[in-house]
N, C-alpha and C. Protein backbone atom coordinates (compact mmCIF):
# COMPACT_ATOMS: atom_id res chain seq x y z
N MET A 1 15.38 21.62 14.01
CA MET A 1 15.30 20.18 13.85
C MET A 1 14.23 19.86 12.81
N ALA A 2 14.54 18.96 11.91
CA ALA A 2 13.61 18.58 10.84
C ALA A 2 12.58 17.59 11.35
N ASP A 3 11.39 17.67 10.80
CA ASP A 3 10.34 16.72 11.13
C ASP A 3 10.52 15.47 10.29
N LYS A 4 9.91 14.38 10.73
CA LYS A 4 10.00 13.12 10.00
C LYS A 4 8.60 12.75 9.50
N ILE A 5 8.51 12.44 8.22
CA ILE A 5 7.26 11.99 7.61
C ILE A 5 7.35 10.49 7.40
N VAL A 6 6.30 9.76 7.78
CA VAL A 6 6.23 8.32 7.54
C VAL A 6 4.95 8.06 6.75
N HIS A 7 5.09 7.46 5.58
CA HIS A 7 3.94 7.16 4.72
C HIS A 7 3.23 5.89 5.18
N CYS A 8 1.93 5.83 4.98
CA CYS A 8 1.11 4.69 5.39
C CYS A 8 1.32 3.49 4.48
N HIS A 9 1.15 2.31 5.07
CA HIS A 9 1.20 1.08 4.29
C HIS A 9 0.11 0.14 4.78
N LEU A 10 -0.15 -0.89 4.00
CA LEU A 10 -1.22 -1.85 4.27
C LEU A 10 -0.63 -3.25 4.36
N SER A 11 -1.01 -3.99 5.37
CA SER A 11 -0.61 -5.39 5.50
C SER A 11 -1.39 -6.21 4.48
N VAL A 12 -0.67 -6.89 3.60
CA VAL A 12 -1.33 -7.70 2.57
C VAL A 12 -2.11 -8.84 3.21
N ARG A 13 -1.49 -9.54 4.15
CA ARG A 13 -2.18 -10.66 4.82
C ARG A 13 -3.40 -10.17 5.61
N GLY A 14 -3.28 -9.01 6.21
CA GLY A 14 -4.41 -8.44 6.94
C GLY A 14 -5.56 -8.11 6.02
N ALA A 15 -5.26 -7.52 4.86
CA ALA A 15 -6.31 -7.16 3.90
C ALA A 15 -6.98 -8.40 3.33
N LEU A 16 -6.25 -9.50 3.21
CA LEU A 16 -6.86 -10.73 2.70
C LEU A 16 -7.91 -11.29 3.65
N ARG A 17 -7.91 -10.86 4.90
CA ARG A 17 -8.92 -11.31 5.86
C ARG A 17 -10.16 -10.43 5.86
N TRP A 18 -10.14 -9.34 5.12
CA TRP A 18 -11.28 -8.44 5.07
C TRP A 18 -12.44 -9.09 4.34
N PRO A 19 -13.68 -8.72 4.70
CA PRO A 19 -14.84 -9.22 3.96
C PRO A 19 -14.88 -8.60 2.55
N LYS A 20 -15.62 -9.24 1.68
CA LYS A 20 -15.70 -8.80 0.28
C LYS A 20 -16.14 -7.34 0.16
N ARG A 21 -17.06 -6.90 0.98
CA ARG A 21 -17.57 -5.54 0.86
C ARG A 21 -16.49 -4.50 1.12
N GLU A 22 -15.47 -4.85 1.91
CA GLU A 22 -14.37 -3.92 2.17
C GLU A 22 -13.29 -4.00 1.10
N LEU A 23 -13.17 -5.14 0.43
CA LEU A 23 -12.17 -5.30 -0.63
C LEU A 23 -12.60 -4.65 -1.94
N ARG A 24 -13.90 -4.71 -2.22
CA ARG A 24 -14.43 -4.21 -3.50
C ARG A 24 -14.01 -2.76 -3.72
N GLY A 25 -13.39 -2.51 -4.86
CA GLY A 25 -12.99 -1.16 -5.23
C GLY A 25 -11.68 -0.68 -4.61
N MET A 26 -10.96 -1.57 -3.94
CA MET A 26 -9.69 -1.18 -3.33
C MET A 26 -8.64 -0.82 -4.38
N PHE A 27 -8.70 -1.49 -5.54
CA PHE A 27 -7.75 -1.25 -6.62
C PHE A 27 -8.50 -0.92 -7.90
N ARG A 28 -7.79 -0.29 -8.82
CA ARG A 28 -8.32 0.01 -10.16
C ARG A 28 -7.52 -0.78 -11.18
N SER A 29 -8.17 -1.10 -12.28
CA SER A 29 -7.49 -1.74 -13.41
C SER A 29 -6.53 -0.73 -14.02
N ALA A 30 -5.30 -1.15 -14.25
CA ALA A 30 -4.30 -0.25 -14.85
C ALA A 30 -4.67 0.10 -16.29
N SER A 31 -5.33 -0.82 -16.98
CA SER A 31 -5.63 -0.58 -18.40
C SER A 31 -6.93 0.19 -18.61
N THR A 32 -7.96 -0.11 -17.81
CA THR A 32 -9.26 0.53 -18.03
C THR A 32 -9.61 1.59 -16.99
N GLY A 33 -8.99 1.53 -15.83
CA GLY A 33 -9.30 2.48 -14.77
C GLY A 33 -10.53 2.10 -13.96
N LYS A 34 -11.19 0.99 -14.32
CA LYS A 34 -12.40 0.60 -13.57
C LYS A 34 -12.02 -0.01 -12.22
N LEU A 35 -12.91 0.18 -11.25
CA LEU A 35 -12.69 -0.41 -9.94
C LEU A 35 -12.80 -1.92 -10.04
N LEU A 36 -11.93 -2.62 -9.33
CA LEU A 36 -11.94 -4.08 -9.38
C LEU A 36 -12.95 -4.66 -8.40
N THR A 37 -13.44 -5.85 -8.72
CA THR A 37 -14.35 -6.56 -7.82
C THR A 37 -13.55 -7.07 -6.62
N ALA A 38 -14.24 -7.54 -5.61
CA ALA A 38 -13.58 -8.08 -4.43
C ALA A 38 -12.68 -9.26 -4.80
N ASP A 39 -13.15 -10.14 -5.68
CA ASP A 39 -12.34 -11.30 -6.08
C ASP A 39 -11.10 -10.86 -6.86
N GLU A 40 -11.24 -9.85 -7.71
CA GLU A 40 -10.09 -9.34 -8.46
C GLU A 40 -9.08 -8.68 -7.51
N CYS A 41 -9.59 -7.96 -6.51
CA CYS A 41 -8.71 -7.34 -5.51
C CYS A 41 -7.96 -8.41 -4.72
N ARG A 42 -8.64 -9.48 -4.39
CA ARG A 42 -7.99 -10.59 -3.67
C ARG A 42 -6.86 -11.17 -4.52
N GLU A 43 -7.08 -11.29 -5.84
CA GLU A 43 -6.03 -11.79 -6.75
C GLU A 43 -4.82 -10.86 -6.74
N VAL A 44 -5.07 -9.55 -6.75
CA VAL A 44 -3.97 -8.57 -6.70
C VAL A 44 -3.16 -8.77 -5.42
N LEU A 45 -3.86 -8.95 -4.30
CA LEU A 45 -3.17 -9.14 -3.02
C LEU A 45 -2.36 -10.43 -3.01
N PHE A 46 -2.92 -11.51 -3.57
CA PHE A 46 -2.17 -12.77 -3.65
C PHE A 46 -0.95 -12.62 -4.56
N ASP A 47 -1.08 -11.83 -5.62
CA ASP A 47 0.07 -11.55 -6.49
C ASP A 47 1.18 -10.84 -5.71
N HIS A 48 0.80 -9.91 -4.85
CA HIS A 48 1.79 -9.21 -4.03
C HIS A 48 2.50 -10.20 -3.10
N LEU A 49 1.73 -11.11 -2.48
CA LEU A 49 2.36 -12.11 -1.62
C LEU A 49 3.33 -12.99 -2.41
N ALA A 50 2.94 -13.36 -3.62
CA ALA A 50 3.80 -14.20 -4.47
C ALA A 50 5.11 -13.48 -4.79
N GLN A 51 5.08 -12.15 -4.81
CA GLN A 51 6.28 -11.36 -5.07
C GLN A 51 7.08 -11.11 -3.79
N GLY A 52 6.59 -11.64 -2.66
CA GLY A 52 7.28 -11.45 -1.39
C GLY A 52 6.91 -10.18 -0.66
N HIS A 53 5.84 -9.52 -1.07
CA HIS A 53 5.41 -8.27 -0.44
C HIS A 53 4.50 -8.57 0.74
N GLU A 54 4.94 -8.24 1.94
CA GLU A 54 4.10 -8.39 3.13
C GLU A 54 3.27 -7.13 3.36
N VAL A 55 3.79 -5.99 2.93
CA VAL A 55 3.05 -4.72 3.02
C VAL A 55 3.15 -4.02 1.67
N ILE A 56 2.14 -3.19 1.39
CA ILE A 56 2.15 -2.38 0.17
C ILE A 56 1.84 -0.94 0.56
N PRO A 57 2.36 0.03 -0.20
CA PRO A 57 2.09 1.43 0.13
C PRO A 57 0.63 1.79 -0.15
N CYS A 58 0.08 2.69 0.64
CA CYS A 58 -1.29 3.15 0.42
C CYS A 58 -1.38 4.18 -0.70
N GLY A 59 -0.27 4.67 -1.15
CA GLY A 59 -0.18 5.60 -2.27
C GLY A 59 1.01 5.19 -3.11
N PRO A 60 1.56 6.12 -3.85
CA PRO A 60 2.77 5.79 -4.62
C PRO A 60 3.90 5.37 -3.67
N ALA A 61 4.68 4.38 -4.07
CA ALA A 61 5.79 3.92 -3.23
C ALA A 61 6.82 5.03 -3.08
N CYS A 62 7.26 5.24 -1.85
CA CYS A 62 8.25 6.28 -1.59
C CYS A 62 9.66 5.68 -1.67
N GLU A 63 10.64 6.55 -1.67
CA GLU A 63 12.03 6.11 -1.74
C GLU A 63 12.36 5.26 -0.51
N GLY A 64 12.91 4.09 -0.74
CA GLY A 64 13.32 3.22 0.35
C GLY A 64 12.21 2.36 0.93
N PHE A 65 11.03 2.32 0.28
CA PHE A 65 9.91 1.53 0.81
C PHE A 65 10.32 0.07 0.92
N ASP A 66 10.04 -0.55 2.08
CA ASP A 66 10.42 -1.93 2.35
C ASP A 66 9.17 -2.81 2.30
N TYR A 67 9.02 -3.55 1.21
CA TYR A 67 7.86 -4.42 1.02
C TYR A 67 7.88 -5.65 1.93
N SER A 68 9.01 -5.93 2.56
CA SER A 68 9.10 -7.14 3.39
C SER A 68 8.41 -6.98 4.73
N GLY A 69 7.95 -5.79 5.06
CA GLY A 69 7.19 -5.63 6.29
C GLY A 69 7.37 -4.33 7.02
N ASN A 70 8.44 -3.61 6.76
CA ASN A 70 8.68 -2.37 7.50
C ASN A 70 8.06 -1.14 6.85
N GLY A 71 7.74 -1.22 5.58
CA GLY A 71 7.11 -0.09 4.90
C GLY A 71 8.04 1.09 4.72
N CYS A 72 7.51 2.27 4.93
CA CYS A 72 8.26 3.51 4.74
C CYS A 72 9.29 3.69 5.85
N PRO A 73 10.55 3.98 5.47
CA PRO A 73 11.58 4.18 6.49
C PRO A 73 11.49 5.53 7.19
N GLY A 74 10.68 6.41 6.67
CA GLY A 74 10.57 7.77 7.20
C GLY A 74 11.47 8.70 6.40
N HIS A 75 11.05 9.93 6.29
CA HIS A 75 11.77 10.91 5.50
C HIS A 75 11.86 12.21 6.28
N GLU A 76 13.04 12.81 6.24
CA GLU A 76 13.24 14.10 6.90
C GLU A 76 12.56 15.19 6.08
N GLU A 77 11.91 16.09 6.76
CA GLU A 77 11.27 17.23 6.11
C GLU A 77 11.84 18.50 6.72
N SER A 78 12.23 19.41 5.88
CA SER A 78 12.77 20.67 6.38
C SER A 78 11.66 21.46 7.07
N PRO A 79 11.99 22.12 8.17
CA PRO A 79 10.96 22.93 8.84
C PRO A 79 10.56 24.12 7.97
N CYS A 80 9.32 24.54 8.11
CA CYS A 80 8.82 25.70 7.36
C CYS A 80 9.41 26.96 7.96
N PRO A 81 9.85 27.88 7.10
CA PRO A 81 10.35 29.15 7.64
C PRO A 81 9.20 29.95 8.26
N THR A 82 9.49 30.61 9.33
CA THR A 82 8.43 31.40 9.99
C THR A 82 8.61 32.87 9.77
């Protein structure tokens, strides 16, 4: 039987309630690579909400990721040979 992997996701609305010290550095600028300030991170999160994203992946988006709230649907992983 194959194992199931489920990737982590973050609630956008939940993250918007975090204090500034927890938001600071959550995202990097795509152009410069610098860590964003808390206010810049908040803007990124509001942009996700404007796009209809209730959750975002904690890493690269996996196949079938559901931004409307369910996140990763889970993926079958073949068992390791013993």
